[in-house]
Amino acid sequence: MKNTKKILIWSINIALFVTVVYMGIAQAGLGAEMAKLEDELVLQSEKKHQMSESILLGNSSSSFTQKSEDLGFMKPEKVVYIDSIDSVASLLH
C-alpha cells in the first residue's frame, strides 16, 4: 500500500512538473511573438509618421498655389459684386 501511494505521488509530481515546464516553454514562445509584434508596431508607427509628414508637405498652400497656376487658375486682380442679394461676382481685367 505504501508503494502504491509513493508511485501515485511521484506520478502526480512528475505530471505536474512536465506541465509546468511545457507551460513555461509556451509562455516564452508567446513572449517572443509579442516582442516581435511590438517591434512591428513601432516600425509601422514610424512609417505612419513619415507618411503624415509627406502628406502635409505635399498639401502646403504654396504647393496648391503652384498647381493651380499650372492649371491656368489665377488670383483675380479685381472683383466686382453686381448685386448684394445674389452672390454673383465678375472678374475684371
PDB file of N, CA and C in Angstrom:
ATOM      1  N   MET A   1       0.818  -1.184   0.000  1.00  0.00           N
ATOM      2  CA  MET A   1       0.000   0.000   0.000  1.00  0.00           C
ATOM      3  C   MET A   1       0.870   1.260   0.000  1.00  0.00           C
ATOM      4  N   LYS A   2       1.953   1.225   0.780  1.00  0.00           N
ATOM      5  CA  LYS A   2       2.826   2.374   0.827  1.00  0.00           C
ATOM      6  C   LYS A   2       3.493   2.595  -0.533  1.00  0.00           C
ATOM      7  N   ASN A   3       3.862   1.499  -1.198  1.00  0.00           N
ATOM      8  CA  ASN A   3       4.491   1.616  -2.509  1.00  0.00           C
ATOM      9  C   ASN A   3       3.514   2.207  -3.523  1.00  0.00           C
ATOM     10  N   THR A   4       2.270   1.840  -3.432  1.00  0.00           N
ATOM     11  CA  THR A   4       1.248   2.358  -4.345  1.00  0.00           C
ATOM     12  C   THR A   4       1.063   3.853  -4.131  1.00  0.00           C
ATOM     13  N   LYS A   5       1.060   4.278  -2.872  1.00  0.00           N
ATOM     14  CA  LYS A   5       0.926   5.702  -2.568  1.00  0.00           C
ATOM     15  C   LYS A   5       2.140   6.473  -3.078  1.00  0.00           C
ATOM     16  N   LYS A   6       3.337   5.911  -2.880  1.00  0.00           N
ATOM     17  CA  LYS A   6       4.549   6.575  -3.355  1.00  0.00           C
ATOM     18  C   LYS A   6       4.536   6.701  -4.875  1.00  0.00           C
ATOM     19  N   ILE A   7       4.145   5.636  -5.554  1.00  0.00           N
ATOM     20  CA  ILE A   7       4.102   5.660  -7.020  1.00  0.00           C
ATOM     21  C   ILE A   7       3.080   6.696  -7.495  1.00  0.00           C
ATOM     22  N   LEU A   8       1.946   6.750  -6.826  1.00  0.00           N
ATOM     23  CA  LEU A   8       0.900   7.707  -7.179  1.00  0.00           C
ATOM     24  C   LEU A   8       1.384   9.143  -6.953  1.00  0.00           C
ATOM     25  N   ILE A   9       2.010   9.402  -5.835  1.00  0.00           N
ATOM     26  CA  ILE A   9       2.507  10.746  -5.530  1.00  0.00           C
ATOM     27  C   ILE A   9       3.595  11.143  -6.521  1.00  0.00           C
ATOM     28  N   TRP A  10       4.531  10.233  -6.823  1.00  0.00           N
ATOM     29  CA  TRP A  10       5.592  10.526  -7.789  1.00  0.00           C
ATOM     30  C   TRP A  10       5.023  10.750  -9.197  1.00  0.00           C
ATOM     31  N   SER A  11       4.027   9.983  -9.536  1.00  0.00           N
ATOM     32  CA  SER A  11       3.399  10.146 -10.859  1.00  0.00           C
ATOM     33  C   SER A  11       2.742  11.522 -10.973  1.00  0.00           C
ATOM     34  N   ILE A  12       2.045  11.920  -9.917  1.00  0.00           N
ATOM     35  CA  ILE A  12       1.389  13.237  -9.917  1.00  0.00           C
ATOM     36  C   ILE A  12       2.443  14.339  -9.967  1.00  0.00           C
ATOM     37  N   ASN A  13       3.512  14.208  -9.177  1.00  0.00           N
ATOM     38  CA  ASN A  13       4.578  15.206  -9.171  1.00  0.00           C
ATOM     39  C   ASN A  13       5.254  15.325 -10.536  1.00  0.00           C
ATOM     40  N   ILE A  14       5.535  14.200 -11.167  1.00  0.00           N
ATOM     41  CA  ILE A  14       6.171  14.224 -12.490  1.00  0.00           C
ATOM     42  C   ILE A  14       5.229  14.854 -13.512  1.00  0.00           C
ATOM     43  N   ALA A  15       3.955  14.505 -13.453  1.00  0.00           N
ATOM     44  CA  ALA A  15       2.979  15.084 -14.388  1.00  0.00           C
ATOM     45  C   ALA A  15       2.884  16.597 -14.195  1.00  0.00           C
ATOM     46  N   LEU A  16       2.849  17.046 -12.943  1.00  0.00           N
ATOM     47  CA  LEU A  16       2.804  18.487 -12.675  1.00  0.00           C
ATOM     48  C   LEU A  16       4.087  19.176 -13.142  1.00  0.00           C
ATOM     49  N   PHE A  17       5.226  18.550 -12.924  1.00  0.00           N
ATOM     50  CA  PHE A  17       6.496  19.129 -13.356  1.00  0.00           C
ATOM     51  C   PHE A  17       6.548  19.261 -14.879  1.00  0.00           C
ATOM     52  N   VAL A  18       6.137  18.229 -15.576  1.00  0.00           N
ATOM     53  CA  VAL A  18       6.118  18.266 -17.044  1.00  0.00           C
ATOM     54  C   VAL A  18       5.163  19.359 -17.525  1.00  0.00           C
ATOM     55  N   THR A  19       4.009  19.501 -16.867  1.00  0.00           N
ATOM     56  CA  THR A  19       3.039  20.532 -17.238  1.00  0.00           C
ATOM     57  C   THR A  19       3.621  21.921 -17.017  1.00  0.00           C
ATOM     58  N   VAL A  20       4.310  22.129 -15.898  1.00  0.00           N
ATOM     59  CA  VAL A  20       4.920  23.429 -15.613  1.00  0.00           C
ATOM     60  C   VAL A  20       5.994  23.754 -16.641  1.00  0.00           C
ATOM     61  N   VAL A  21       6.815  22.791 -16.992  1.00  0.00           N
ATOM     62  CA  VAL A  21       7.859  23.012 -17.993  1.00  0.00           C
ATOM     63  C   VAL A  21       7.226  23.338 -19.356  1.00  0.00           C
ATOM     64  N   TYR A  22       6.202  22.589 -19.732  1.00  0.00           N
ATOM     65  CA  TYR A  22       5.529  22.836 -21.001  1.00  0.00           C
ATOM     66  C   TYR A  22       4.909  24.241 -21.024  1.00  0.00           C
ATOM     67  N   MET A  23       4.244  24.621 -19.957  1.00  0.00           N
ATOM     68  CA  MET A  23       3.624  25.945 -19.879  1.00  0.00           C
ATOM     69  C   MET A  23       4.690  27.045 -19.930  1.00  0.00           C
ATOM     70  N   GLY A  24       5.828  26.820 -19.295  1.00  0.00           N
ATOM     71  CA  GLY A  24       6.915  27.796 -19.336  1.00  0.00           C
ATOM     72  C   GLY A  24       7.442  27.990 -20.744  1.00  0.00           C
ATOM     73  N   ILE A  25       7.617  26.896 -21.457  1.00  0.00           N
ATOM     74  CA  ILE A  25       8.087  26.979 -22.848  1.00  0.00           C
ATOM     75  C   ILE A  25       7.050  27.683 -23.716  1.00  0.00           C
ATOM     76  N   ALA A  26       5.781  27.371 -23.521  1.00  0.00           N
ATOM     77  CA  ALA A  26       4.720  28.012 -24.301  1.00  0.00           C
ATOM     78  C   ALA A  26       4.669  29.516 -24.020  1.00  0.00           C
ATOM     79  N   GLN A  27       4.813  29.900 -22.760  1.00  0.00           N
ATOM     80  CA  GLN A  27       4.798  31.325 -22.407  1.00  0.00           C
ATOM     81  C   GLN A  27       6.006  32.052 -22.983  1.00  0.00           C
ATOM     82  N   ALA A  28       7.147  31.404 -23.008  1.00  0.00           N
ATOM     83  CA  ALA A  28       8.340  32.019 -23.597  1.00  0.00           C
ATOM     84  C   ALA A  28       8.131  32.246 -25.094  1.00  0.00           C
ATOM     85  N   GLY A  29       7.513  31.294 -25.749  1.00  0.00           N
ATOM     86  CA  GLY A  29       7.206  31.455 -27.169  1.00  0.00           C
ATOM     87  C   GLY A  29       6.241  32.602 -27.406  1.00  0.00           C
ATOM     88  N   LEU A  30       5.219  32.727 -26.581  1.00  0.00           N
ATOM     89  CA  LEU A  30       4.264  33.827 -26.705  1.00  0.00           C
ATOM     90  C   LEU A  30       4.939  35.171 -26.420  1.00  0.00           C
ATOM     91  N   GLY A  31       5.860  35.192 -25.469  1.00  0.00           N
ATOM     92  CA  GLY A  31       6.583  36.421 -25.167  1.00  0.00           C
ATOM     93  C   GLY A  31       7.442  36.861 -26.343  1.00  0.00           C
ATOM     94  N   ALA A  32       8.089  35.917 -27.004  1.00  0.00           N
ATOM     95  CA  ALA A  32       8.902  36.249 -28.177  1.00  0.00           C
ATOM     96  C   ALA A  32       8.022  36.773 -29.310  1.00  0.00           C
ATOM     97  N   GLU A  33       6.866  36.163 -29.492  1.00  0.00           N
ATOM     98  CA  GLU A  33       5.939  36.625 -30.528  1.00  0.00           C
ATOM     99  C   GLU A  33       5.424  38.031 -30.215  1.00  0.00           C
ATOM    100  N   MET A  34       5.157  38.287 -28.938  1.00  0.00           N
ATOM    101  CA  MET A  34       4.690  39.618 -28.539  1.00  0.00           C
ATOM    102  C   MET A  34       5.778  40.668 -28.768  1.00  0.00           C
ATOM    103  N   ALA A  35       7.016  40.336 -28.464  1.00  0.00           N
ATOM    104  CA  ALA A  35       8.119  41.270 -28.707  1.00  0.00           C
ATOM    105  C   ALA A  35       8.252  41.569 -30.199  1.00  0.00           C
ATOM    106  N   LYS A  36       8.083  40.555 -31.033  1.00  0.00           N
ATOM    107  CA  LYS A  36       8.146  40.750 -32.480  1.00  0.00           C
ATOM    108  C   LYS A  36       7.019  41.677 -32.939  1.00  0.00           C
ATOM    109  N   LEU A  37       5.818  41.481 -32.416  1.00  0.00           N
ATOM    110  CA  LEU A  37       4.682  42.331 -32.781  1.00  0.00           C
ATOM    111  C   LEU A  37       4.877  43.768 -32.303  1.00  0.00           C
ATOM    112  N   GLU A  38       5.471  43.946 -31.132  1.00  0.00           N
ATOM    113  CA  GLU A  38       5.742  45.294 -30.642  1.00  0.00           C
ATOM    114  C   GLU A  38       6.756  46.011 -31.526  1.00  0.00           C
ATOM    115  N   ASP A  39       7.786  45.279 -31.986  1.00  0.00           N
ATOM    116  CA  ASP A  39       8.764  45.868 -32.904  1.00  0.00           C
ATOM    117  C   ASP A  39       8.093  46.269 -34.214  1.00  0.00           C
ATOM    118  N   GLU A  40       7.195  45.421 -34.705  1.00  0.00           N
ATOM    119  CA  GLU A  40       6.469  45.731 -35.934  1.00  0.00           C
ATOM    120  C   GLU A  40       5.560  46.947 -35.734  1.00  0.00           C
ATOM    121  N   LEU A  41       4.973  47.064 -34.555  1.00  0.00           N
ATOM    122  CA  LEU A  41       4.118  48.216 -34.246  1.00  0.00           C
ATOM    123  C   LEU A  41       4.925  49.514 -34.262  1.00  0.00           C
ATOM    124  N   VAL A  42       6.112  49.481 -33.696  1.00  0.00           N
ATOM    125  CA  VAL A  42       6.969  50.670 -33.700  1.00  0.00           C
ATOM    126  C   VAL A  42       7.355  51.028 -35.134  1.00  0.00           C
ATOM    127  N   LEU A  43       7.687  50.041 -35.937  1.00  0.00           N
ATOM    128  CA  LEU A  43       8.056  50.280 -37.331  1.00  0.00           C
ATOM    129  C   LEU A  43       6.887  50.892 -38.103  1.00  0.00           C
ATOM    130  N   GLN A  44       5.692  50.341 -37.922  1.00  0.00           N
ATOM    131  CA  GLN A  44       4.518  50.867 -38.620  1.00  0.00           C
ATOM    132  C   GLN A  44       4.171  52.271 -38.139  1.00  0.00           C
ATOM    133  N   SER A  45       4.381  52.536 -36.873  1.00  0.00           N
ATOM    134  CA  SER A  45       4.126  53.872 -36.340  1.00  0.00           C
ATOM    135  C   SER A  45       5.074  54.890 -36.970  1.00  0.00           C
ATOM    136  N   GLU A  46       6.333  54.518 -37.132  1.00  0.00           N
ATOM    137  CA  GLU A  46       7.298  55.409 -37.778  1.00  0.00           C
ATOM    138  C   GLU A  46       6.920  55.652 -39.239  1.00  0.00           C
ATOM    139  N   LYS A  47       6.474  54.607 -39.931  1.00  0.00           N
ATOM    140  CA  LYS A  47       6.044  54.763 -41.317  1.00  0.00           C
ATOM    141  C   LYS A  47       4.840  55.698 -41.404  1.00  0.00           C
ATOM    142  N   LYS A  48       3.913  55.560 -40.477  1.00  0.00           N
ATOM    143  CA  LYS A  48       2.730  56.417 -40.454  1.00  0.00           C
ATOM    144  C   LYS A  48       3.141  57.871 -40.251  1.00  0.00           C
ATOM    145  N   HIS A  49       4.079  58.090 -39.357  1.00  0.00           N
ATOM    146  CA  HIS A  49       4.553  59.450 -39.090  1.00  0.00           C
ATOM    147  C   HIS A  49       5.202  60.045 -40.340  1.00  0.00           C
ATOM    148  N   GLN A  50       6.020  59.260 -41.022  1.00  0.00           N
ATOM    149  CA  GLN A  50       6.668  59.734 -42.240  1.00  0.00           C
ATOM    150  C   GLN A  50       5.647  60.029 -43.332  1.00  0.00           C
ATOM    151  N   MET A  51       4.633  59.191 -43.453  1.00  0.00           N
ATOM    152  CA  MET A  51       3.597  59.414 -44.460  1.00  0.00           C
ATOM    153  C   MET A  51       2.798  60.676 -44.136  1.00  0.00           C
ATOM    154  N   SER A  52       2.511  60.896 -42.861  1.00  0.00           N
ATOM    155  CA  SER A  52       1.786  62.101 -42.464  1.00  0.00           C
ATOM    156  C   SER A  52       2.597  63.346 -42.801  1.00  0.00           C
ATOM    157  N   GLU A  53       3.888  63.301 -42.556  1.00  0.00           N
ATOM    158  CA  GLU A  53       4.751  64.431 -42.891  1.00  0.00           C
ATOM    159  C   GLU A  53       4.770  64.683 -44.393  1.00  0.00           C
ATOM    160  N   SER A  54       4.861  63.625 -45.179  1.00  0.00           N
ATOM    161  CA  SER A  54       4.904  63.807 -46.632  1.00  0.00           C
ATOM    162  C   SER A  54       3.569  64.331 -47.155  1.00  0.00           C
ATOM    163  N   ILE A  55       2.467  63.922 -46.553  1.00  0.00           N
ATOM    164  CA  ILE A  55       1.158  64.448 -46.960  1.00  0.00           C
ATOM    165  C   ILE A  55       1.066  65.923 -46.622  1.00  0.00           C
ATOM    166  N   LEU A  56       1.517  66.285 -45.432  1.00  0.00           N
ATOM    167  CA  LEU A  56       1.484  67.700 -45.048  1.00  0.00           C
ATOM    168  C   LEU A  56       2.358  68.550 -45.954  1.00  0.00           C
ATOM    169  N   LEU A  57       3.520  68.048 -46.308  1.00  0.00           N
ATOM    170  CA  LEU A  57       4.404  68.804 -47.197  1.00  0.00           C
ATOM    171  C   LEU A  57       3.809  68.897 -48.600  1.00  0.00           C
ATOM    172  N   GLY A  58       3.147  67.839 -49.042  1.00  0.00           N
ATOM    173  CA  GLY A  58       2.546  67.837 -50.371  1.00  0.00           C
ATOM    174  C   GLY A  58       1.300  68.693 -50.462  1.00  0.00           C
ATOM    175  N   ASN A  59       0.658  68.968 -49.336  1.00  0.00           N
ATOM    176  CA  ASN A  59      -0.577  69.734 -49.334  1.00  0.00           C
ATOM    177  C   ASN A  59      -0.387  71.148 -48.807  1.00  0.00           C
ATOM    178  N   SER A  60       0.822  71.652 -48.863  1.00  0.00           N
ATOM    179  CA  SER A  60       1.054  73.006 -48.366  1.00  0.00           C
ATOM    180  C   SER A  60       0.393  74.013 -49.300  1.00  0.00           C
ATOM    181  N   SER A  61       0.141  75.197 -48.811  1.00  0.00           N
ATOM    182  CA  SER A  61      -0.553  76.214 -49.606  1.00  0.00           C
ATOM    183  C   SER A  61       0.269  76.639 -50.815  1.00  0.00           C
ATOM    184  N   SER A  62       1.577  76.679 -50.673  1.00  0.00           N
ATOM    185  CA  SER A  62       2.404  77.048 -51.824  1.00  0.00           C
ATOM    186  C   SER A  62       2.316  75.981 -52.906  1.00  0.00           C
ATOM    187  N   SER A  63       2.186  74.734 -52.503  1.00  0.00           N
ATOM    188  CA  SER A  63       2.043  73.652 -53.470  1.00  0.00           C
ATOM    189  C   SER A  63       0.721  73.780 -54.212  1.00  0.00           C
ATOM    190  N   PHE A  64      -0.347  74.111 -53.471  1.00  0.00           N
ATOM    191  CA  PHE A  64      -1.649  74.311 -54.111  1.00  0.00           C
ATOM    192  C   PHE A  64      -1.608  75.513 -55.047  1.00  0.00           C
ATOM    193  N   THR A  65      -0.949  76.569 -54.628  1.00  0.00           N
ATOM    194  CA  THR A  65      -0.840  77.759 -55.457  1.00  0.00           C
ATOM    195  C   THR A  65      -0.118  77.436 -56.759  1.00  0.00           C
ATOM    196  N   GLN A  66       0.979  76.724 -56.668  1.00  0.00           N
ATOM    197  CA  GLN A  66       1.745  76.361 -57.862  1.00  0.00           C
ATOM    198  C   GLN A  66       0.922  75.464 -58.779  1.00  0.00           C
ATOM    199  N   LYS A  67       0.229  74.480 -58.217  1.00  0.00           N
ATOM    200  CA  LYS A  67      -0.579  73.575 -59.029  1.00  0.00           C
ATOM    201  C   LYS A  67      -1.710  74.325 -59.719  1.00  0.00           C
ATOM    202  N   SER A  68      -2.357  75.242 -58.995  1.00  0.00           N
ATOM    203  CA  SER A  68      -3.457  75.985 -59.599  1.00  0.00           C
ATOM    204  C   SER A  68      -2.960  76.903 -60.696  1.00  0.00           C
ATOM    205  N   GLU A  69      -1.802  77.531 -60.533  1.00  0.00           N
ATOM    206  CA  GLU A  69      -1.231  78.368 -61.583  1.00  0.00           C
ATOM    207  C   GLU A  69      -0.854  77.534 -62.796  1.00  0.00           C
ATOM    208  N   ASP A  70      -0.348  76.330 -62.570  1.00  0.00           N
ATOM    209  CA  ASP A  70      -0.016  75.440 -63.681  1.00  0.00           C
ATOM    210  C   ASP A  70      -1.264  75.045 -64.463  1.00  0.00           C
ATOM    211  N   LEU A  71      -2.408  74.938 -63.784  1.00  0.00           N
ATOM    212  CA  LEU A  71      -3.659  74.558 -64.445  1.00  0.00           C
ATOM    213  C   LEU A  71      -4.378  75.749 -65.071  1.00  0.00           C
ATOM    214  N   GLY A  72      -3.846  76.948 -64.916  1.00  0.00           N
ATOM    215  CA  GLY A  72      -4.433  78.103 -65.559  1.00  0.00           C
ATOM    216  C   GLY A  72      -5.292  78.960 -64.652  1.00  0.00           C
ATOM    217  N   PHE A  73      -5.383  78.627 -63.413  1.00  0.00           N
ATOM    218  CA  PHE A  73      -6.139  79.456 -62.475  1.00  0.00           C
ATOM    219  C   PHE A  73      -5.231  80.553 -61.947  1.00  0.00           C
ATOM    220  N   MET A  74      -5.806  81.701 -61.716  1.00  0.00           N
ATOM    221  CA  MET A  74      -5.006  82.783 -61.152  1.00  0.00           C
ATOM    222  C   MET A  74      -5.847  83.554 -60.149  1.00  0.00           C
ATOM    223  N   LYS A  75      -5.176  84.319 -59.342  1.00  0.00           N
ATOM    224  CA  LYS A  75      -5.844  85.141 -58.352  1.00  0.00           C
ATOM    225  C   LYS A  75      -6.447  86.354 -59.068  1.00  0.00           C
ATOM    226  N   PRO A  76      -7.711  86.673 -58.823  1.00  0.00           N
ATOM    227  CA  PRO A  76      -8.319  87.818 -59.504  1.00  0.00           C
ATOM    228  C   PRO A  76      -7.683  89.121 -59.034  1.00  0.00           C
ATOM    229  N   GLU A  77      -7.539  90.030 -59.979  1.00  0.00           N
ATOM    230  CA  GLU A  77      -6.984  91.335 -59.639  1.00  0.00           C
ATOM    231  C   GLU A  77      -8.040  92.235 -59.032  1.00  0.00           C
ATOM    232  N   LYS A  78      -9.260  92.122 -59.563  1.00  0.00           N
ATOM    233  CA  LYS A  78     -10.328  92.971 -59.066  1.00  0.00           C
ATOM    234  C   LYS A  78     -11.641  92.198 -59.155  1.00  0.00           C
ATOM    235  N   VAL A  79     -12.423  92.232 -58.083  1.00  0.00           N
ATOM    236  CA  VAL A  79     -13.704  91.542 -58.061  1.00  0.00           C
ATOM    237  C   VAL A  79     -14.792  92.589 -57.906  1.00  0.00           C
ATOM    238  N   VAL A  80     -15.798  92.509 -58.776  1.00  0.00           N
ATOM    239  CA  VAL A  80     -16.918  93.453 -58.730  1.00  0.00           C
ATOM    240  C   VAL A  80     -18.176  92.662 -58.416  1.00  0.00           C
ATOM    241  N   TYR A  81     -18.870  93.027 -57.347  1.00  0.00           N
ATOM    242  CA  TYR A  81     -20.129  92.398 -56.995  1.00  0.00           C
ATOM    243  C   TYR A  81     -21.262  93.157 -57.655  1.00  0.00           C
ATOM    244  N   ILE A  82     -22.045  92.468 -58.455  1.00  0.00           N
ATOM    245  CA  ILE A  82     -23.116  93.104 -59.204  1.00  0.00           C
ATOM    246  C   ILE A  82     -24.323  93.347 -58.311  1.00  0.00           C
ATOM    247  N   ASP A  83     -24.701  92.383 -57.522  1.00  0.00           N
ATOM    248  CA  ASP A  83     -25.870  92.515 -56.655  1.00  0.00           C
ATOM    249  C   ASP A  83     -25.520  91.873 -55.317  1.00  0.00           C
ATOM    250  N   SER A  84     -25.859  92.558 -54.259  1.00  0.00           N
ATOM    251  CA  SER A  84     -25.518  92.039 -52.936  1.00  0.00           C
ATOM    252  C   SER A  84     -26.421  90.894 -52.513  1.00  0.00           C
ATOM    253  N   ILE A  85     -27.621  90.824 -53.098  1.00  0.00           N
ATOM    254  CA  ILE A  85     -28.545  89.732 -52.747  1.00  0.00           C
ATOM    255  C   ILE A  85     -28.081  88.438 -53.425  1.00  0.00           C
ATOM    256  N   ASP A  86     -27.822  88.519 -54.710  1.00  0.00           N
ATOM    257  CA  ASP A  86     -27.286  87.357 -55.420  1.00  0.00           C
ATOM    258  C   ASP A  86     -25.761  87.391 -55.278  1.00  0.00           C
ATOM    259  N   SER A  87     -25.229  86.348 -54.816  1.00  0.00           N
ATOM    260  CA  SER A  87     -23.787  86.356 -54.603  1.00  0.00           C
ATOM    261  C   SER A  87     -23.086  85.999 -55.916  1.00  0.00           C
ATOM    262  N   VAL A  88     -23.135  86.958 -56.856  1.00  0.00           N
ATOM    263  CA  VAL A  88     -22.510  86.790 -58.152  1.00  0.00           C
ATOM    264  C   VAL A  88     -21.324  87.728 -58.226  1.00  0.00           C
ATOM    265  N   ALA A  89     -20.220  87.249 -58.716  1.00  0.00           N
ATOM    266  CA  ALA A  89     -19.024  88.082 -58.834  1.00  0.00           C
ATOM    267  C   ALA A  89     -18.515  88.018 -60.261  1.00  0.00           C
ATOM    268  N   SER A  90     -17.887  89.058 -60.681  1.00  0.00           N
ATOM    269  CA  SER A  90     -17.330  89.138 -62.021  1.00  0.00           C
ATOM    270  C   SER A  90     -15.876  89.546 -61.913  1.00  0.00           C
ATOM    271  N   LEU A  91     -15.047  88.957 -62.739  1.00  0.00           N
ATOM    272  CA  LEU A  91     -13.619  89.271 -62.731  1.00  0.00           C
ATOM    273  C   LEU A  91     -13.334  90.248 -63.852  1.00  0.00           C
ATOM    274  N   LEU A  92     -12.744  91.380 -63.505  1.00  0.00           N
ATOM    275  CA  LEU A  92     -12.385  92.394 -64.491  1.00  0.00           C
ATOM    276  C   LEU A  92     -10.884  92.401 -64.673  1.00  0.00           C
ATOM    277  N   HIS A  93     -10.450  92.429 -65.914  1.00  0.00           N
ATOM    278  CA  HIS A  93      -9.006  92.505 -66.183  1.00  0.00           C
ATOM    279  C   HIS A  93      -8.604  93.925 -66.453  1.00  0.00           C
TER     280      HIS A  93
END
